[in-house]
Amino acid sequence: MTPGLIDAHVHLGLSSPIQPQFSFRLSAAELAADIFATADATLDAGFTTVRDTGGVDGGLVTTIAKGKVRGPRVLSCGPVQ
């Protein structure tokens, strides 16, 4: 058995295709669905903790921590300004 892996540099907030995301052609619900799917896939890949360097919304951290969606523990670096 391998212990849970840690990824120290992820961007969960960039889970959607870049062009539609930055041209505001995706709804908040679709962006959230893409982020949650990526978090789930990250956990399935064996990563139990990630450090998000892109500054995801604190709601993502809380939602995963409460068990509402599957995902690794997320340590957010705060918003990039």
C-alpha atoms as a PDB file:
ATOM      1  CA  MET A   1       0.000   0.000   0.000  1.00  0.00           C
ATOM      2  CA  THR A   2       1.076   3.534  -0.765  1.00  0.00           C
ATOM      3  CA  PRO A   3       0.249   6.297   1.700  1.00  0.00           C
ATOM      4  CA  GLY A   4      -1.794   9.227   0.454  1.00  0.00           C
ATOM      5  CA  LEU A   5       0.143  11.432  -1.923  1.00  0.00           C
ATOM      6  CA  ILE A   6       0.495  15.211  -1.637  1.00  0.00           C
ATOM      7  CA  ASP A   7       0.530  17.535  -4.653  1.00  0.00           C
ATOM      8  CA  ALA A   8       2.022  20.886  -3.671  1.00  0.00           C
ATOM      9  CA  HIS A   9       1.062  22.767  -6.854  1.00  0.00           C
ATOM     10  CA  VAL A  10      -2.412  22.408  -8.342  1.00  0.00           C
ATOM     11  CA  HIS A  11      -4.907  24.789  -9.925  1.00  0.00           C
ATOM     12  CA  LEU A  12      -8.344  23.305  -9.239  1.00  0.00           C
ATOM     13  CA  GLY A  13      -9.938  26.559 -10.384  1.00  0.00           C
ATOM     14  CA  LEU A  14      -8.620  25.949 -13.900  1.00  0.00           C
ATOM     15  CA  SER A  15     -10.514  22.690 -14.383  1.00  0.00           C
ATOM     16  CA  SER A  16     -12.629  24.017 -17.260  1.00  0.00           C
ATOM     17  CA  PRO A  17     -11.438  24.746 -20.802  1.00  0.00           C
ATOM     18  CA  ILE A  18      -9.489  28.017 -20.631  1.00  0.00           C
ATOM     19  CA  GLN A  19     -11.044  29.948 -23.525  1.00  0.00           C
ATOM     20  CA  PRO A  20     -14.716  29.525 -22.497  1.00  0.00           C
ATOM     21  CA  GLN A  21     -13.831  30.102 -18.840  1.00  0.00           C
ATOM     22  CA  PHE A  22     -12.042  33.393 -19.373  1.00  0.00           C
ATOM     23  CA  SER A  23     -14.521  34.685 -21.946  1.00  0.00           C
ATOM     24  CA  PHE A  24     -17.324  34.115 -19.394  1.00  0.00           C
ATOM     25  CA  ARG A  25     -19.206  31.595 -21.547  1.00  0.00           C
ATOM     26  CA  LEU A  26     -19.507  29.089 -18.690  1.00  0.00           C
ATOM     27  CA  SER A  27     -21.976  29.379 -15.826  1.00  0.00           C
ATOM     28  CA  ALA A  28     -20.870  29.265 -12.209  1.00  0.00           C
ATOM     29  CA  ALA A  29     -22.607  25.883 -11.902  1.00  0.00           C
ATOM     30  CA  GLU A  30     -20.639  24.430 -14.832  1.00  0.00           C
ATOM     31  CA  LEU A  31     -17.366  25.783 -13.453  1.00  0.00           C
ATOM     32  CA  ALA A  32     -18.156  24.255 -10.032  1.00  0.00           C
ATOM     33  CA  ALA A  33     -19.074  20.909 -11.634  1.00  0.00           C
ATOM     34  CA  ASP A  34     -15.735  20.848 -13.487  1.00  0.00           C
ATOM     35  CA  ILE A  35     -13.820  21.689 -10.298  1.00  0.00           C
ATOM     36  CA  PHE A  36     -15.648  18.988  -8.308  1.00  0.00           C
ATOM     37  CA  ALA A  37     -14.997  16.402 -11.048  1.00  0.00           C
ATOM     38  CA  THR A  38     -11.291  17.284 -11.031  1.00  0.00           C
ATOM     39  CA  ALA A  39     -11.161  17.056  -7.227  1.00  0.00           C
ATOM     40  CA  ASP A  40     -12.797  13.622  -7.388  1.00  0.00           C
ATOM     41  CA  ALA A  41     -10.342  12.432 -10.062  1.00  0.00           C
ATOM     42  CA  THR A  42      -7.428  13.792  -8.020  1.00  0.00           C
ATOM     43  CA  LEU A  43      -8.534  11.761  -5.018  1.00  0.00           C
ATOM     44  CA  ASP A  44      -8.955   8.661  -7.198  1.00  0.00           C
ATOM     45  CA  ALA A  45      -5.375   9.163  -8.441  1.00  0.00           C
ATOM     46  CA  GLY A  46      -4.136   8.760  -4.859  1.00  0.00           C
ATOM     47  CA  PHE A  47      -3.662  12.386  -3.832  1.00  0.00           C
ATOM     48  CA  THR A  48      -5.202  12.874  -0.392  1.00  0.00           C
ATOM     49  CA  THR A  49      -3.911  16.441   0.065  1.00  0.00           C
ATOM     50  CA  VAL A  50      -3.316  19.217  -2.462  1.00  0.00           C
ATOM     51  CA  ARG A  51      -2.035  22.766  -2.182  1.00  0.00           C
ATOM     52  CA  ASP A  52      -4.004  24.971  -4.547  1.00  0.00           C
ATOM     53  CA  THR A  53      -1.774  27.800  -5.721  1.00  0.00           C
ATOM     54  CA  GLY A  54      -4.462  29.474  -7.815  1.00  0.00           C
ATOM     55  CA  GLY A  55      -6.571  30.750  -4.954  1.00  0.00           C
ATOM     56  CA  VAL A  56      -9.772  28.721  -5.193  1.00  0.00           C
ATOM     57  CA  ASP A  57     -12.848  29.970  -3.407  1.00  0.00           C
ATOM     58  CA  GLY A  58     -12.935  29.040   0.271  1.00  0.00           C
ATOM     59  CA  GLY A  59     -16.297  27.448  -0.426  1.00  0.00           C
ATOM     60  CA  LEU A  60     -14.546  24.650  -2.304  1.00  0.00           C
ATOM     61  CA  VAL A  61     -12.321  23.905   0.680  1.00  0.00           C
ATOM     62  CA  THR A  62     -15.326  23.853   3.022  1.00  0.00           C
ATOM     63  CA  THR A  63     -17.520  21.803   0.683  1.00  0.00           C
ATOM     64  CA  ILE A  64     -14.900  19.059   0.388  1.00  0.00           C
ATOM     65  CA  ALA A  65     -14.065  19.187   4.115  1.00  0.00           C
ATOM     66  CA  LYS A  66     -17.757  18.725   4.998  1.00  0.00           C
ATOM     67  CA  GLY A  67     -17.950  15.684   2.729  1.00  0.00           C
ATOM     68  CA  LYS A  68     -20.540  17.169   0.382  1.00  0.00           C
ATOM     69  CA  VAL A  69     -18.327  16.252  -2.590  1.00  0.00           C
ATOM     70  CA  ARG A  70     -15.378  13.875  -2.877  1.00  0.00           C
ATOM     71  CA  GLY A  71     -11.945  15.357  -3.048  1.00  0.00           C
ATOM     72  CA  PRO A  72      -8.591  15.619  -1.338  1.00  0.00           C
ATOM     73  CA  ARG A  73      -7.936  17.941   1.571  1.00  0.00           C
ATOM     74  CA  VAL A  74      -7.298  21.334  -0.029  1.00  0.00           C
ATOM     75  CA  LEU A  75      -4.840  23.863   1.349  1.00  0.00           C
ATOM     76  CA  SER A  76      -5.562  27.107  -0.496  1.00  0.00           C
ATOM     77  CA  CYS A  77      -2.915  29.793  -0.903  1.00  0.00           C
ATOM     78  CA  GLY A  78      -5.564  32.513  -1.271  1.00  0.00           C
ATOM     79  CA  PRO A  79      -6.660  34.524  -4.285  1.00  0.00           C
ATOM     80  CA  VAL A  80      -4.140  35.624  -6.886  1.00  0.00           C
ATOM     81  CA  GLN A  81      -4.458  39.362  -7.455  1.00  0.00           C
END
